[in-house]
Amino acid sequence: MKLQQLRYISEVAKHSLNVSATAQSLYTSQPGISKQIRMLEDELGVEVFERSGKHLVRITPAGEAILKTADEILRKCESIKQVAQEFSDERK
């Protein structure tokens, strides 16, 4: 599991399950996002998103719980960056 994968699922959820819009906002490719989401789902053994063909149609119940935790982890990562920035500024 990678932070980037958690970031991708979080952003896809925020973009109303539109992977193309997510890719554009993250300056990356739609196939790359789709591949990373699939790899995460394979690793976890559950689907985060329900699909109809190639389209994401809704967040699964497991996905809801995973997204909640993923968002908490991503917020904690931002907190770590802020702490590091504060200490970096003190040294200057």
Protein backbone atom coordinates (compact mmCIF):
# COMPACT_ATOMS: atom_id res chain seq x y z
CA MET A 1 0.00 0.00 0.00
CA LYS A 2 1.35 3.38 -1.00
CA LEU A 3 0.39 6.89 0.04
CA GLN A 4 -0.06 7.75 -3.63
CA GLN A 5 -2.71 5.05 -3.95
CA LEU A 6 -4.55 6.45 -0.93
CA ARG A 7 -4.31 9.93 -2.44
CA TYR A 8 -5.77 8.63 -5.70
CA ILE A 9 -8.80 6.96 -4.15
CA SER A 10 -9.45 10.01 -2.00
CA GLU A 11 -9.26 12.36 -4.98
CA VAL A 12 -11.43 10.11 -7.15
CA ALA A 13 -14.10 10.19 -4.44
CA LYS A 14 -13.82 14.00 -4.26
CA HIS A 15 -14.21 14.25 -8.05
CA SER A 16 -17.53 12.36 -8.08
CA LEU A 17 -15.83 9.15 -9.26
CA ASN A 18 -14.56 10.86 -12.42
CA VAL A 19 -11.10 9.38 -12.99
CA SER A 20 -10.37 11.66 -15.97
CA ALA A 21 -11.08 14.80 -13.95
CA THR A 22 -8.99 13.41 -11.10
CA ALA A 23 -6.09 12.71 -13.44
CA GLN A 24 -6.27 16.23 -14.82
CA SER A 25 -6.31 17.80 -11.34
CA LEU A 26 -3.33 15.67 -10.24
CA TYR A 27 -1.39 16.21 -13.50
CA THR A 28 -1.15 12.50 -14.19
CA SER A 29 -2.73 9.95 -16.52
CA GLN A 30 -6.13 8.34 -16.16
CA PRO A 31 -4.76 4.84 -16.90
CA GLY A 32 -2.12 5.33 -14.19
CA ILE A 33 -4.75 6.22 -11.60
CA SER A 34 -6.96 3.30 -12.63
CA LYS A 35 -4.04 0.89 -12.44
CA GLN A 36 -2.99 2.08 -8.98
CA ILE A 37 -6.55 1.80 -7.69
CA ARG A 38 -6.79 -1.76 -9.00
CA MET A 39 -3.44 -2.65 -7.44
CA LEU A 40 -4.62 -1.29 -4.07
CA GLU A 41 -7.90 -3.21 -4.32
CA ASP A 42 -6.01 -6.39 -5.21
CA GLU A 43 -3.69 -5.93 -2.25
CA LEU A 44 -6.58 -5.28 0.13
CA GLY A 45 -8.77 -8.03 -1.29
CA VAL A 46 -11.83 -5.76 -1.56
CA GLU A 47 -13.18 -3.30 -4.09
CA VAL A 48 -13.19 0.34 -3.08
CA PHE A 49 -15.36 1.31 -6.04
CA GLU A 50 -18.17 -0.53 -7.79
CA ARG A 51 -17.82 -0.55 -11.56
CA SER A 52 -20.09 -0.76 -14.55
CA GLY A 53 -17.78 -1.67 -17.39
CA LYS A 54 -14.87 0.73 -17.14
CA HIS A 55 -16.81 3.37 -15.22
CA LEU A 56 -16.87 3.80 -11.45
CA VAL A 57 -20.48 4.00 -10.34
CA ARG A 58 -20.35 4.12 -6.56
CA ILE A 59 -18.21 3.64 -3.48
CA THR A 60 -18.62 0.22 -1.87
CA PRO A 61 -19.33 -0.10 1.86
CA ALA A 62 -15.75 -1.35 2.33
CA GLY A 63 -14.60 1.60 0.23
CA GLU A 64 -16.40 4.05 2.52
CA ALA A 65 -14.50 2.72 5.53
CA ILE A 66 -11.22 2.62 3.62
CA LEU A 67 -11.68 6.18 2.34
CA LYS A 68 -12.39 7.45 5.85
CA THR A 69 -9.12 5.96 7.10
CA ALA A 70 -7.21 7.04 3.98
CA ASP A 71 -8.35 10.64 4.48
CA GLU A 72 -7.22 10.52 8.12
CA ILE A 73 -3.80 9.21 7.04
CA LEU A 74 -3.45 11.90 4.38
CA ARG A 75 -4.35 14.60 6.92
CA LYS A 76 -1.73 13.21 9.32
CA CYS A 77 0.87 13.34 6.54
CA GLU A 78 0.06 17.02 6.00
CA SER A 79 0.46 17.58 9.76
CA ILE A 80 3.91 15.99 9.62
CA LYS A 81 4.87 18.34 6.80
CA GLN A 82 3.66 21.33 8.81
CA VAL A 83 5.65 20.27 11.88
CA ALA A 84 8.77 19.84 9.76
CA GLN A 85 8.21 23.26 8.18
CA GLU A 86 7.87 24.89 11.61
CA PHE A 87 11.14 23.35 12.79
CA SER A 88 12.84 24.25 9.54
CA ASP A 89 11.78 27.88 9.97
CA GLU A 90 13.10 27.94 13.57
CA ARG A 91 16.59 27.02 12.40
CA LYS A 92 16.68 29.92 9.96
